[in-house]
N, C-alpha and C. Protein backbone atom coordinates (compact mmCIF):
# COMPACT_ATOMS: atom_id res chain seq x y z
N UNK A 1 -10.16 -8.15 -2.00
CA UNK A 1 -11.33 -7.37 -1.65
C UNK A 1 -10.87 -6.00 -1.14
N UNK A 2 -11.47 -4.96 -1.63
CA UNK A 2 -11.13 -3.59 -1.24
C UNK A 2 -12.27 -3.03 -0.40
N UNK A 3 -11.93 -2.54 0.77
CA UNK A 3 -12.93 -1.96 1.66
C UNK A 3 -12.77 -0.45 1.64
N UNK A 4 -13.85 0.25 1.39
CA UNK A 4 -13.82 1.70 1.40
C UNK A 4 -14.16 2.18 2.80
N UNK A 5 -13.29 3.00 3.34
CA UNK A 5 -13.49 3.53 4.68
C UNK A 5 -13.76 5.03 4.57
N UNK A 6 -14.78 5.49 5.27
CA UNK A 6 -15.11 6.91 5.26
C UNK A 6 -14.03 7.69 5.99
N UNK A 7 -13.92 8.95 5.65
CA UNK A 7 -12.88 9.79 6.23
C UNK A 7 -12.99 9.85 7.75
N UNK A 8 -14.20 10.00 8.29
CA UNK A 8 -14.32 10.12 9.74
C UNK A 8 -13.90 8.83 10.44
N UNK A 9 -14.14 7.68 9.82
CA UNK A 9 -13.69 6.41 10.38
C UNK A 9 -12.17 6.31 10.32
N UNK A 10 -11.59 6.80 9.24
CA UNK A 10 -10.15 6.78 9.06
C UNK A 10 -9.47 7.70 10.08
N UNK A 11 -10.05 8.86 10.32
CA UNK A 11 -9.51 9.79 11.32
C UNK A 11 -9.59 9.16 12.71
N UNK A 12 -10.68 8.46 12.99
CA UNK A 12 -10.82 7.78 14.28
C UNK A 12 -9.73 6.71 14.43
N UNK A 13 -9.50 5.92 13.40
CA UNK A 13 -8.44 4.91 13.44
C UNK A 13 -7.08 5.58 13.61
N UNK A 14 -6.87 6.68 12.92
CA UNK A 14 -5.62 7.43 13.04
C UNK A 14 -5.41 7.85 14.50
N UNK A 15 -6.47 8.33 15.14
CA UNK A 15 -6.40 8.74 16.54
C UNK A 15 -6.03 7.57 17.44
N UNK A 16 -6.65 6.42 17.23
CA UNK A 16 -6.35 5.24 18.05
C UNK A 16 -4.91 4.79 17.87
N UNK A 17 -4.43 4.77 16.65
CA UNK A 17 -3.05 4.35 16.40
C UNK A 17 -2.06 5.34 17.01
N UNK A 18 -2.38 6.62 16.98
CA UNK A 18 -1.51 7.63 17.59
C UNK A 18 -1.45 7.43 19.11
N UNK A 19 -2.57 7.05 19.71
CA UNK A 19 -2.60 6.78 21.14
C UNK A 19 -1.75 5.55 21.48
N UNK A 20 -1.82 4.54 20.64
CA UNK A 20 -0.99 3.35 20.84
C UNK A 20 0.48 3.72 20.72
N UNK A 21 0.81 4.56 19.75
CA UNK A 21 2.20 5.01 19.58
C UNK A 21 2.69 5.70 20.84
N UNK A 22 1.88 6.57 21.42
CA UNK A 22 2.26 7.24 22.66
C UNK A 22 2.49 6.23 23.78
N UNK A 23 1.62 5.23 23.86
CA UNK A 23 1.76 4.19 24.88
C UNK A 23 3.03 3.39 24.67
N UNK A 24 3.36 3.08 23.44
CA UNK A 24 4.60 2.35 23.13
C UNK A 24 5.82 3.14 23.60
N UNK A 25 5.80 4.44 23.38
CA UNK A 25 6.93 5.27 23.81
C UNK A 25 7.00 5.32 25.33
N UNK A 26 5.86 5.51 25.97
CA UNK A 26 5.81 5.58 27.44
C UNK A 26 6.28 4.28 28.08
N UNK A 27 5.90 3.15 27.50
CA UNK A 27 6.23 1.86 28.09
C UNK A 27 7.61 1.34 27.67
N UNK A 28 8.27 2.04 26.76
CA UNK A 28 9.60 1.64 26.34
C UNK A 28 9.64 0.64 25.21
N UNK A 29 8.50 0.34 24.63
CA UNK A 29 8.46 -0.58 23.48
C UNK A 29 9.08 0.09 22.26
N UNK A 30 8.96 1.41 22.19
CA UNK A 30 9.49 2.18 21.06
C UNK A 30 10.12 3.47 21.59
N UNK A 31 10.88 4.10 20.72
CA UNK A 31 11.46 5.41 21.04
C UNK A 31 10.81 6.45 20.14
N UNK A 32 10.89 7.69 20.52
CA UNK A 32 10.32 8.73 19.65
C UNK A 32 10.92 8.72 18.24
N UNK A 33 12.19 8.36 18.12
CA UNK A 33 12.80 8.34 16.79
C UNK A 33 12.23 7.25 15.90
N UNK A 34 11.65 6.21 16.50
CA UNK A 34 11.00 5.17 15.69
C UNK A 34 9.87 5.78 14.85
N UNK A 35 9.30 6.86 15.33
CA UNK A 35 8.14 7.48 14.67
C UNK A 35 8.52 8.69 13.83
N UNK A 36 9.81 8.91 13.60
CA UNK A 36 10.25 10.03 12.77
C UNK A 36 9.64 10.02 11.36
N UNK A 37 9.58 8.87 10.69
CA UNK A 37 8.96 8.88 9.34
C UNK A 37 7.49 9.34 9.38
N UNK A 38 6.78 8.94 10.43
CA UNK A 38 5.39 9.38 10.59
C UNK A 38 5.34 10.88 10.85
N UNK A 39 6.22 11.37 11.73
CA UNK A 39 6.25 12.81 12.05
C UNK A 39 6.58 13.64 10.82
N UNK A 40 7.42 13.10 9.95
CA UNK A 40 7.81 13.82 8.74
C UNK A 40 6.64 14.03 7.77
N UNK A 41 5.62 13.19 7.88
CA UNK A 41 4.44 13.39 7.03
C UNK A 41 3.74 14.70 7.37
N UNK A 42 3.85 15.12 8.63
CA UNK A 42 3.26 16.38 9.04
C UNK A 42 1.75 16.34 9.14
N UNK A 43 1.18 15.17 9.39
CA UNK A 43 -0.27 15.06 9.54
C UNK A 43 -0.57 14.31 10.83
N UNK A 44 -1.43 14.90 11.63
CA UNK A 44 -1.83 14.27 12.88
C UNK A 44 -3.33 13.95 12.79
N UNK A 45 -3.82 13.18 13.73
CA UNK A 45 -5.26 12.89 13.72
C UNK A 45 -6.12 14.15 13.84
N UNK A 46 -5.55 15.20 14.40
CA UNK A 46 -6.30 16.45 14.59
C UNK A 46 -6.34 17.30 13.32
N UNK A 47 -5.66 16.90 12.28
CA UNK A 47 -5.64 17.65 11.02
C UNK A 47 -6.89 17.29 10.21
N UNK A 48 -8.02 17.76 10.67
CA UNK A 48 -9.30 17.37 10.08
C UNK A 48 -9.51 17.91 8.67
N UNK A 49 -8.81 18.95 8.31
CA UNK A 49 -8.96 19.52 6.97
C UNK A 49 -8.11 18.79 5.93
N UNK A 50 -7.22 17.93 6.41
CA UNK A 50 -6.40 17.15 5.47
C UNK A 50 -7.30 16.17 4.71
N UNK A 51 -6.84 15.75 3.56
CA UNK A 51 -7.64 14.85 2.72
C UNK A 51 -7.67 13.44 3.31
N UNK A 52 -8.65 12.70 2.88
CA UNK A 52 -8.78 11.31 3.28
C UNK A 52 -7.53 10.53 2.88
N UNK A 53 -7.01 10.81 1.70
CA UNK A 53 -5.81 10.11 1.21
C UNK A 53 -4.61 10.35 2.11
N UNK A 54 -4.45 11.59 2.59
CA UNK A 54 -3.32 11.89 3.49
C UNK A 54 -3.47 11.15 4.81
N UNK A 55 -4.70 11.07 5.34
CA UNK A 55 -4.93 10.31 6.57
C UNK A 55 -4.66 8.82 6.33
N UNK A 56 -5.05 8.33 5.18
CA UNK A 56 -4.79 6.92 4.86
C UNK A 56 -3.29 6.65 4.81
N UNK A 57 -2.55 7.55 4.20
CA UNK A 57 -1.09 7.40 4.13
C UNK A 57 -0.50 7.37 5.55
N UNK A 58 -0.97 8.26 6.41
CA UNK A 58 -0.47 8.32 7.78
C UNK A 58 -0.84 7.05 8.55
N UNK A 59 -2.07 6.57 8.39
CA UNK A 59 -2.51 5.36 9.08
C UNK A 59 -1.69 4.15 8.64
N UNK A 60 -1.48 4.02 7.35
CA UNK A 60 -0.70 2.88 6.86
C UNK A 60 0.73 2.91 7.40
N UNK A 61 1.35 4.08 7.38
CA UNK A 61 2.72 4.20 7.87
C UNK A 61 2.78 3.96 9.38
N UNK A 62 1.87 4.55 10.12
CA UNK A 62 1.86 4.39 11.56
C UNK A 62 1.61 2.92 11.94
N UNK A 63 0.71 2.25 11.25
CA UNK A 63 0.45 0.84 11.51
C UNK A 63 1.69 -0.01 11.23
N UNK A 64 2.40 0.30 10.17
CA UNK A 64 3.62 -0.43 9.83
C UNK A 64 4.70 -0.24 10.90
N UNK A 65 4.86 1.00 11.36
CA UNK A 65 5.85 1.28 12.40
C UNK A 65 5.48 0.56 13.69
N UNK A 66 4.22 0.61 14.08
CA UNK A 66 3.77 -0.08 15.29
C UNK A 66 3.99 -1.58 15.19
N UNK A 67 3.72 -2.15 14.03
CA UNK A 67 3.94 -3.58 13.83
C UNK A 67 5.42 -3.92 13.96
N UNK A 68 6.28 -3.11 13.37
CA UNK A 68 7.73 -3.34 13.48
C UNK A 68 8.19 -3.25 14.93
N UNK A 69 7.70 -2.27 15.66
CA UNK A 69 8.08 -2.12 17.07
C UNK A 69 7.55 -3.30 17.90
N UNK A 70 6.35 -3.76 17.59
CA UNK A 70 5.78 -4.91 18.30
C UNK A 70 6.61 -6.15 18.04
N UNK A 71 6.99 -6.35 16.80
CA UNK A 71 7.79 -7.51 16.45
C UNK A 71 9.14 -7.46 17.16
N UNK A 72 9.77 -6.30 17.14
CA UNK A 72 11.06 -6.13 17.80
C UNK A 72 10.93 -6.40 19.30
N UNK A 73 9.85 -5.94 19.91
CA UNK A 73 9.65 -6.13 21.35
C UNK A 73 9.44 -7.60 21.69
N UNK A 74 8.71 -8.33 20.87
CA UNK A 74 8.46 -9.74 21.17
C UNK A 74 9.70 -10.59 20.92
N UNK A 75 10.59 -10.13 20.05
CA UNK A 75 11.81 -10.87 19.80
C UNK A 75 12.81 -10.73 20.93
N UNK A 76 12.68 -9.68 21.73
CA UNK A 76 13.63 -9.45 22.84
C UNK A 76 13.10 -9.92 24.19
N UNK A 77 11.86 -10.39 24.23
CA UNK A 77 11.30 -10.87 25.49
C UNK A 77 11.86 -12.25 25.79
N UNK A 78 12.46 -12.44 26.98
CA UNK A 78 13.03 -13.76 27.29
C UNK A 78 11.95 -14.81 27.48
N UNK A 79 12.26 -16.02 27.05
CA UNK A 79 11.34 -17.14 27.21
C UNK A 79 11.52 -17.72 28.59
N UNK A 80 10.45 -18.02 29.27
CA UNK A 80 10.54 -18.59 30.63
C UNK A 80 10.55 -20.09 30.59
């Protein structure tokens, strides 16, 4: 099933994921270099003139990076 997301919804999701990325860096779950591939895209949530496709590319990459960082963080948490 393919879900079509409007550009404004995609930009909102992009904003939320970027906020999570900042929180991951602040809390030590991730480092700024973990997000280098995302930074190399050169598109931020504030780039409202960018195409929907570019925001989708950024969202997919950012979500993948966040998932990898989450997985890495849960693998290093000691079991009580």
